[in-house]
PDB file of all heavy atoms in Angstrom:
ATOM      1  N   ALA A   1      11.049-127.148   0.159  1.00  0.00           N
ATOM      2  CA  ALA A   1      11.338-127.804   1.434  1.00  0.00           C
ATOM      3  C   ALA A   1      10.317-127.407   2.501  1.00  0.00           C
ATOM      4  O   ALA A   1       9.826-128.260   3.248  1.00  0.00           O
ATOM      5  CB  ALA A   1      12.767-127.458   1.886  1.00  0.00           C
ATOM      6  N   GLN A   2       9.999-126.116   2.562  1.00  0.00           N
ATOM      7  CA  GLN A   2       9.032-125.658   3.558  1.00  0.00           C
ATOM      8  C   GLN A   2       7.632-126.218   3.283  1.00  0.00           C
ATOM      9  O   GLN A   2       6.926-126.610   4.213  1.00  0.00           O
ATOM     10  CB  GLN A   2       8.965-124.123   3.555  1.00  0.00           C
ATOM     11  CG  GLN A   2      10.172-123.468   4.182  1.00  0.00           C
ATOM     12  CD  GLN A   2      10.255-123.772   5.666  1.00  0.00           C
ATOM     13  OE1 GLN A   2       9.379-123.416   6.427  1.00  0.00           O
ATOM     14  NE2 GLN A   2      11.318-124.427   6.084  1.00  0.00           N
ATOM     15  N   THR A   3       7.263-126.268   2.015  1.00  0.00           N
ATOM     16  CA  THR A   3       5.955-126.820   1.645  1.00  0.00           C
ATOM     17  C   THR A   3       5.848-128.292   2.030  1.00  0.00           C
ATOM     18  O   THR A   3       4.834-128.737   2.586  1.00  0.00           O
ATOM     19  CB  THR A   3       5.687-126.611   0.150  1.00  0.00           C
ATOM     20  OG1 THR A   3       5.723-125.202  -0.136  1.00  0.00           O
ATOM     21  CG2 THR A   3       4.354-127.165  -0.264  1.00  0.00           C
ATOM     22  N   ALA A   4       6.896-129.042   1.764  1.00  0.00           N
ATOM     23  CA  ALA A   4       6.894-130.460   2.138  1.00  0.00           C
ATOM     24  C   ALA A   4       6.790-130.635   3.654  1.00  0.00           C
ATOM     25  O   ALA A   4       6.039-131.505   4.141  1.00  0.00           O
ATOM     26  CB  ALA A   4       8.153-131.157   1.609  1.00  0.00           C
ATOM     27  N   LEU A   5       7.514-129.825   4.394  1.00  0.00           N
ATOM     28  CA  LEU A   5       7.454-129.892   5.853  1.00  0.00           C
ATOM     29  C   LEU A   5       6.055-129.541   6.361  1.00  0.00           C
ATOM     30  O   LEU A   5       5.509-130.221   7.251  1.00  0.00           O
ATOM     31  CB  LEU A   5       8.492-128.929   6.458  1.00  0.00           C
ATOM     32  CG  LEU A   5       8.567-128.860   7.971  1.00  0.00           C
ATOM     33  CD1 LEU A   5       8.931-130.203   8.570  1.00  0.00           C
ATOM     34  CD2 LEU A   5       9.569-127.795   8.381  1.00  0.00           C
ATOM     35  N   ILE A   6       5.450-128.513   5.797  1.00  0.00           N
ATOM     36  CA  ILE A   6       4.097-128.138   6.187  1.00  0.00           C
ATOM     37  C   ILE A   6       3.131-129.275   5.896  1.00  0.00           C
ATOM     38  O   ILE A   6       2.299-129.628   6.747  1.00  0.00           O
ATOM     39  CB  ILE A   6       3.661-126.843   5.449  1.00  0.00           C
ATOM     40  CG1 ILE A   6       4.422-125.647   6.028  1.00  0.00           C
ATOM     41  CG2 ILE A   6       2.157-126.637   5.546  1.00  0.00           C
ATOM     42  CD1 ILE A   6       4.280-124.367   5.211  1.00  0.00           C
ATOM     43  N   GLN A   7       3.223-129.869   4.720  1.00  0.00           N
ATOM     44  CA  GLN A   7       2.327-130.971   4.365  1.00  0.00           C
ATOM     45  C   GLN A   7       2.465-132.143   5.328  1.00  0.00           C
ATOM     46  O   GLN A   7       1.460-132.733   5.740  1.00  0.00           O
ATOM     47  CB  GLN A   7       2.577-131.412   2.914  1.00  0.00           C
ATOM     48  CG  GLN A   7       2.126-130.387   1.903  1.00  0.00           C
ATOM     49  CD  GLN A   7       2.585-130.700   0.492  1.00  0.00           C
ATOM     50  OE1 GLN A   7       3.454-131.550   0.269  1.00  0.00           O
ATOM     51  NE2 GLN A   7       2.024-130.008  -0.468  1.00  0.00           N
ATOM     52  N   ARG A   8       3.701-132.488   5.692  1.00  0.00           N
ATOM     53  CA  ARG A   8       3.904-133.578   6.648  1.00  0.00           C
ATOM     54  C   ARG A   8       3.300-133.258   8.006  1.00  0.00           C
ATOM     55  O   ARG A   8       2.630-134.094   8.617  1.00  0.00           O
ATOM     56  CB  ARG A   8       5.401-133.890   6.813  1.00  0.00           C
ATOM     57  CG  ARG A   8       6.002-134.664   5.677  1.00  0.00           C
ATOM     58  CD  ARG A   8       7.384-135.201   6.009  1.00  0.00           C
ATOM     59  NE  ARG A   8       8.335-134.208   6.469  1.00  0.00           N
ATOM     60  CZ  ARG A   8       9.120-133.484   5.687  1.00  0.00           C
ATOM     61  NH1 ARG A   8       9.085-133.656   4.376  1.00  0.00           N
ATOM     62  NH2 ARG A   8       9.964-132.626   6.183  1.00  0.00           N
ATOM     63  N   ASN A   9       3.517-132.049   8.480  1.00  0.00           N
ATOM     64  CA  ASN A   9       2.981-131.682   9.794  1.00  0.00           C
ATOM     65  C   ASN A   9       1.475-131.594   9.811  1.00  0.00           C
ATOM     66  O   ASN A   9       0.838-131.996  10.804  1.00  0.00           O
ATOM     67  CB  ASN A   9       3.615-130.370  10.260  1.00  0.00           C
ATOM     68  CG  ASN A   9       5.031-130.571  10.757  1.00  0.00           C
ATOM     69  OD1 ASN A   9       5.333-131.584  11.374  1.00  0.00           O
ATOM     70  ND2 ASN A   9       5.910-129.620  10.471  1.00  0.00           N
ATOM     71  N   VAL A  10       0.868-131.090   8.760  1.00  0.00           N
ATOM     72  CA  VAL A  10      -0.594-131.044   8.693  1.00  0.00           C
ATOM     73  C   VAL A  10      -1.156-132.457   8.636  1.00  0.00           C
ATOM     74  O   VAL A  10      -2.134-132.776   9.318  1.00  0.00           O
ATOM     75  CB  VAL A  10      -1.065-130.190   7.498  1.00  0.00           C
ATOM     76  CG1 VAL A  10      -2.556-130.356   7.255  1.00  0.00           C
ATOM     77  CG2 VAL A  10      -0.727-128.709   7.732  1.00  0.00           C
ATOM     78  N   ALA A  11      -0.529-133.330   7.842  1.00  0.00           N
ATOM     79  CA  ALA A  11      -0.993-134.717   7.757  1.00  0.00           C
ATOM     80  C   ALA A  11      -0.925-135.410   9.119  1.00  0.00           C
ATOM     81  O   ALA A  11      -1.849-136.135   9.506  1.00  0.00           O
ATOM     82  CB  ALA A  11      -0.192-135.488   6.717  1.00  0.00           C
ATOM     83  N   LYS A  12       0.152-135.192   9.857  1.00  0.00           N
ATOM     84  CA  LYS A  12       0.292-135.776  11.189  1.00  0.00           C
ATOM     85  C   LYS A  12      -0.783-135.251  12.132  1.00  0.00           C
ATOM     86  O   LYS A  12      -1.349-135.991  12.925  1.00  0.00           O
ATOM     87  CB  LYS A  12       1.684-135.502  11.766  1.00  0.00           C
ATOM     88  CG  LYS A  12       2.772-136.311  11.126  1.00  0.00           C
ATOM     89  CD  LYS A  12       4.118-135.926  11.721  1.00  0.00           C
ATOM     90  CE  LYS A  12       5.257-136.639  11.023  1.00  0.00           C
ATOM     91  NZ  LYS A  12       6.566-136.233  11.542  1.00  0.00           N
ATOM     92  N   ALA A  13      -1.071-133.963  12.044  1.00  0.00           N
ATOM     93  CA  ALA A  13      -2.095-133.373  12.896  1.00  0.00           C
ATOM     94  C   ALA A  13      -3.479-133.942  12.562  1.00  0.00           C
ATOM     95  O   ALA A  13      -4.266-134.233  13.468  1.00  0.00           O
ATOM     96  CB  ALA A  13      -2.095-131.859  12.740  1.00  0.00           C
ATOM     97  N   ILE A  14      -3.731-134.140  11.284  1.00  0.00           N
ATOM     98  CA  ILE A  14      -5.021-134.716  10.887  1.00  0.00           C
ATOM     99  C   ILE A  14      -5.149-136.137  11.419  1.00  0.00           C
ATOM    100  O   ILE A  14      -6.203-136.535  11.905  1.00  0.00           O
ATOM    101  CB  ILE A  14      -5.181-134.639   9.353  1.00  0.00           C
ATOM    102  CG1 ILE A  14      -5.375-133.190   8.922  1.00  0.00           C
ATOM    103  CG2 ILE A  14      -6.353-135.523   8.879  1.00  0.00           C
ATOM    104  CD1 ILE A  14      -5.302-132.972   7.431  1.00  0.00           C
ATOM    105  N   GLN A  15      -4.054-136.885  11.355  1.00  0.00           N
ATOM    106  CA  GLN A  15      -4.064-138.264  11.888  1.00  0.00           C
ATOM    107  C   GLN A  15      -4.373-138.285  13.381  1.00  0.00           C
ATOM    108  O   GLN A  15      -5.083-139.151  13.867  1.00  0.00           O
ATOM    109  CB  GLN A  15      -2.725-138.946  11.650  1.00  0.00           C
ATOM    110  CG  GLN A  15      -2.587-139.568  10.299  1.00  0.00           C
ATOM    111  CD  GLN A  15      -1.262-140.322  10.193  1.00  0.00           C
ATOM    112  OE1 GLN A  15      -0.256-139.937  10.763  1.00  0.00           O
ATOM    113  NE2 GLN A  15      -1.293-141.405   9.463  1.00  0.00           N
ATOM    114  N   ARG A  16      -3.820-137.320  14.129  1.00  0.00           N
ATOM    115  CA  ARG A  16      -4.071-137.261  15.559  1.00  0.00           C
ATOM    116  C   ARG A  16      -5.537-136.945  15.840  1.00  0.00           C
ATOM    117  O   ARG A  16      -6.084-137.394  16.841  1.00  0.00           O
ATOM    118  CB  ARG A  16      -3.183-136.205  16.232  1.00  0.00           C
ATOM    119  CG  ARG A  16      -1.761-136.632  16.414  1.00  0.00           C
ATOM    120  CD  ARG A  16      -1.010-135.647  17.287  1.00  0.00           C
ATOM    121  NE  ARG A  16      -0.963-134.301  16.770  1.00  0.00           N
ATOM    122  CZ  ARG A  16      -0.024-133.819  15.968  1.00  0.00           C
ATOM    123  NH1 ARG A  16       0.954-134.614  15.569  1.00  0.00           N
ATOM    124  NH2 ARG A  16      -0.052-132.575  15.551  1.00  0.00           N
ATOM    125  N   GLY A  17      -6.130-136.127  14.996  1.00  0.00           N
ATOM    126  CA  GLY A  17      -7.540-135.795  15.152  1.00  0.00           C
ATOM    127  C   GLY A  17      -7.860-134.947  16.360  1.00  0.00           C
ATOM    128  O   GLY A  17      -8.986-134.987  16.867  1.00  0.00           O
ATOM    129  N   ARG A  18      -6.915-134.170  16.827  1.00  0.00           N
ATOM    130  CA  ARG A  18      -7.135-133.346  18.019  1.00  0.00           C
ATOM    131  C   ARG A  18      -7.593-131.942  17.626  1.00  0.00           C
ATOM    132  O   ARG A  18      -7.010-131.291  16.764  1.00  0.00           O
ATOM    133  CB  ARG A  18      -5.848-133.240  18.808  1.00  0.00           C
ATOM    134  CG  ARG A  18      -5.424-134.583  19.391  1.00  0.00           C
ATOM    135  CD  ARG A  18      -4.146-134.491  20.142  1.00  0.00           C
ATOM    136  NE  ARG A  18      -4.112-133.310  21.011  1.00  0.00           N
ATOM    137  CZ  ARG A  18      -3.164-133.058  21.873  1.00  0.00           C
ATOM    138  NH1 ARG A  18      -2.167-133.901  22.016  1.00  0.00           N
ATOM    139  NH2 ARG A  18      -3.210-131.973  22.612  1.00  0.00           N
ATOM    140  N   LEU A  19      -8.641-131.487  18.259  1.00  0.00           N
ATOM    141  CA  LEU A  19      -9.172-130.160  17.953  1.00  0.00           C
ATOM    142  C   LEU A  19      -8.193-129.041  18.290  1.00  0.00           C
ATOM    143  O   LEU A  19      -8.197-127.993  17.628  1.00  0.00           O
ATOM    144  CB  LEU A  19     -10.492-129.934  18.693  1.00  0.00           C
ATOM    145  CG  LEU A  19     -11.663-130.794  18.211  1.00  0.00           C
ATOM    146  CD1 LEU A  19     -12.903-130.510  19.067  1.00  0.00           C
ATOM    147  CD2 LEU A  19     -11.957-130.533  16.758  1.00  0.00           C
ATOM    148  N   ASP A  20      -7.345-129.254  19.290  1.00  0.00           N
ATOM    149  CA  ASP A  20      -6.414-128.204  19.668  1.00  0.00           C
ATOM    150  C   ASP A  20      -5.278-128.016  18.654  1.00  0.00           C
ATOM    151  O   ASP A  20      -4.518-127.078  18.751  1.00  0.00           O
ATOM    152  CB  ASP A  20      -5.867-128.422  21.085  1.00  0.00           C
ATOM    153  CG  ASP A  20      -5.115-129.720  21.264  1.00  0.00           C
ATOM    154  OD1 ASP A  20      -5.395-130.672  20.513  1.00  0.00           O
ATOM    155  OD2 ASP A  20      -4.269-129.793  22.165  1.00  0.00           O
ATOM    156  N   ASP A  21      -5.184-128.909  17.649  1.00  0.00           N
ATOM    157  CA  ASP A  21      -4.209-128.744  16.561  1.00  0.00           C
ATOM    158  C   ASP A  21      -4.711-127.771  15.483  1.00  0.00           C
ATOM    159  O   ASP A  21      -3.932-127.304  14.667  1.00  0.00           O
ATOM    160  CB  ASP A  21      -3.899-130.082  15.897  1.00  0.00           C
ATOM    161  CG  ASP A  21      -2.904-130.922  16.647  1.00  0.00           C
ATOM    162  OD1 ASP A  21      -2.154-130.351  17.463  1.00  0.00           O
ATOM    163  OD2 ASP A  21      -2.860-132.151  16.415  1.00  0.00           O
ATOM    164  N   ARG A  22      -6.003-127.518  15.467  1.00  0.00           N
ATOM    165  CA  ARG A  22      -6.593-126.711  14.369  1.00  0.00           C
ATOM    166  C   ARG A  22      -5.977-125.331  14.194  1.00  0.00           C
ATOM    167  O   ARG A  22      -5.695-124.949  13.064  1.00  0.00           O
ATOM    168  CB  ARG A  22      -8.096-126.601  14.551  1.00  0.00           C
ATOM    169  CG  ARG A  22      -8.794-127.807  14.021  1.00  0.00           C
ATOM    170  CD  ARG A  22     -10.267-127.548  13.831  1.00  0.00           C
ATOM    171  NE  ARG A  22     -10.888-128.780  13.367  1.00  0.00           N
ATOM    172  CZ  ARG A  22     -12.148-129.023  13.421  1.00  0.00           C
ATOM    173  NH1 ARG A  22     -12.959-128.116  13.939  1.00  0.00           N
ATOM    174  NH2 ARG A  22     -12.633-130.150  12.981  1.00  0.00           N
ATOM    175  N   PRO A  23      -5.770-124.556  15.248  1.00  0.00           N
ATOM    176  CA  PRO A  23      -5.172-123.221  15.010  1.00  0.00           C
ATOM    177  C   PRO A  23      -3.804-123.314  14.324  1.00  0.00           C
ATOM    178  O   PRO A  23      -3.504-122.532  13.424  1.00  0.00           O
ATOM    179  CB  PRO A  23      -5.053-122.632  16.403  1.00  0.00           C
ATOM    180  CG  PRO A  23      -6.065-123.357  17.231  1.00  0.00           C
ATOM    181  CD  PRO A  23      -6.133-124.732  16.668  1.00  0.00           C
ATOM    182  N   THR A  24      -2.999-124.291  14.714  1.00  0.00           N
ATOM    183  CA  THR A  24      -1.695-124.446  14.118  1.00  0.00           C
ATOM    184  C   THR A  24      -1.796-124.936  12.682  1.00  0.00           C
ATOM    185  O   THR A  24      -1.092-124.420  11.803  1.00  0.00           O
ATOM    186  CB  THR A  24      -0.830-125.414  14.955  1.00  0.00           C
ATOM    187  OG1 THR A  24      -0.714-124.900  16.273  1.00  0.00           O
ATOM    188  CG2 THR A  24       0.555-125.594  14.343  1.00  0.00           C
ATOM    189  N   THR A  25      -2.652-125.909  12.421  1.00  0.00           N
ATOM    190  CA  THR A  25      -2.787-126.400  11.044  1.00  0.00           C
ATOM    191  C   THR A  25      -3.362-125.303  10.142  1.00  0.00           C
ATOM    192  O   THR A  25      -2.951-125.199   8.977  1.00  0.00           O
ATOM    193  CB  THR A  25      -3.632-127.679  10.955  1.00  0.00           C
ATOM    194  OG1 THR A  25      -4.915-127.447  11.521  1.00  0.00           O
ATOM    195  CG2 THR A  25      -2.951-128.837  11.636  1.00  0.00           C
ATOM    196  N   ASN A  26      -4.264-124.479  10.648  1.00  0.00           N
ATOM    197  CA  ASN A  26      -4.758-123.364   9.847  1.00  0.00           C
ATOM    198  C   ASN A  26      -3.666-122.372   9.530  1.00  0.00           C
ATOM    199  O   ASN A  26      -3.574-121.870   8.416  1.00  0.00           O
ATOM    200  CB  ASN A  26      -5.930-122.675  10.567  1.00  0.00           C
ATOM    201  CG  ASN A  26      -7.200-123.486  10.526  1.00  0.00           C
ATOM    202  OD1 ASN A  26      -7.369-124.346   9.653  1.00  0.00           O
ATOM    203  ND2 ASN A  26      -8.091-123.226  11.462  1.00  0.00           N
ATOM    204  N   LEU A  27      -2.809-122.103  10.498  1.00  0.00           N
ATOM    205  CA  LEU A  27      -1.664-121.204  10.285  1.00  0.00           C
ATOM    206  C   LEU A  27      -0.729-121.799   9.230  1.00  0.00           C
ATOM    207  O   LEU A  27      -0.300-121.108   8.298  1.00  0.00           O
ATOM    208  CB  LEU A  27      -0.918-120.976  11.595  1.00  0.00           C
ATOM    209  CG  LEU A  27       0.296-120.062  11.533  1.00  0.00           C
ATOM    210  CD1 LEU A  27      -0.118-118.636  11.251  1.00  0.00           C
ATOM    211  CD2 LEU A  27       1.041-120.128  12.873  1.00  0.00           C
ATOM    212  N   LEU A  28      -0.429-123.082   9.364  1.00  0.00           N
ATOM    213  CA  LEU A  28       0.443-123.739   8.395  1.00  0.00           C
ATOM    214  C   LEU A  28      -0.143-123.737   6.989  1.00  0.00           C
ATOM    215  O   LEU A  28       0.571-123.528   6.013  1.00  0.00           O
ATOM    216  CB  LEU A  28       0.758-125.171   8.844  1.00  0.00           C
ATOM    217  CG  LEU A  28       1.631-125.295  10.087  1.00  0.00           C
ATOM    218  CD1 LEU A  28       1.748-126.759  10.504  1.00  0.00           C
ATOM    219  CD2 LEU A  28       3.006-124.686   9.844  1.00  0.00           C
ATOM    220  N   ARG A  29      -1.438-123.964   6.894  1.00  0.00           N
ATOM    221  CA  ARG A  29      -2.096-123.913   5.577  1.00  0.00           C
ATOM    222  C   ARG A  29      -1.993-122.509   4.967  1.00  0.00           C
ATOM    223  O   ARG A  29      -1.788-122.364   3.753  1.00  0.00           O
ATOM    224  CB  ARG A  29      -3.551-124.339   5.685  1.00  0.00           C
ATOM    225  CG  ARG A  29      -3.718-125.831   5.886  1.00  0.00           C
ATOM    226  CD  ARG A  29      -5.191-126.206   5.932  1.00  0.00           C
ATOM    227  NE  ARG A  29      -5.351-127.636   6.098  1.00  0.00           N
ATOM    228  CZ  ARG A  29      -5.880-128.203   7.172  1.00  0.00           C
ATOM    229  NH1 ARG A  29      -6.318-127.457   8.183  1.00  0.00           N
ATOM    230  NH2 ARG A  29      -5.996-129.511   7.248  1.00  0.00           N
ATOM    231  N   GLY A  30      -2.121-121.497   5.782  1.00  0.00           N
ATOM    232  CA  GLY A  30      -1.937-120.120   5.313  1.00  0.00           C
ATOM    233  C   GLY A  30      -0.533-119.871   4.810  1.00  0.00           C
ATOM    234  O   GLY A  30      -0.332-119.228   3.763  1.00  0.00           O
ATOM    235  N   PHE A  31       0.450-120.415   5.533  1.00  0.00           N
ATOM    236  CA  PHE A  31       1.838-120.288   5.080  1.00  0.00           C
ATOM    237  C   PHE A  31       2.024-121.002   3.754  1.00  0.00           C
ATOM    238  O   PHE A  31       2.737-120.519   2.859  1.00  0.00           O
ATOM    239  CB  PHE A  31       2.802-120.847   6.116  1.00  0.00           C
ATOM    240  CG  PHE A  31       2.958-119.988   7.348  1.00  0.00           C
ATOM    241  CD1 PHE A  31       3.498-120.545   8.504  1.00  0.00           C
ATOM    242  CD2 PHE A  31       2.563-118.661   7.380  1.00  0.00           C
ATOM    243  CE1 PHE A  31       3.674-119.766   9.633  1.00  0.00           C
ATOM    244  CE2 PHE A  31       2.712-117.892   8.506  1.00  0.00           C
ATOM    245  CZ  PHE A  31       3.268-118.439   9.648  1.00  0.00           C
ATOM    246  N   ALA A  32       1.430-122.188   3.607  1.00  0.00           N
ATOM    247  CA  ALA A  32       1.559-122.951   2.356  1.00  0.00           C
ATOM    248  C   ALA A  32       0.952-122.174   1.182  1.00  0.00           C
ATOM    249  O   ALA A  32       1.523-122.154   0.088  1.00  0.00           O
ATOM    250  CB  ALA A  32       0.886-124.314   2.496  1.00  0.00           C
TER     251      ALA A  32
END
């Protein structure tokens, strides 16, 4: 469940294309 949630949130952040999302997406990838 956590992995699926992380994948969805990272995909949404990539779609937004905002540089300020990078620290959070990097943290989420580490959790994954």
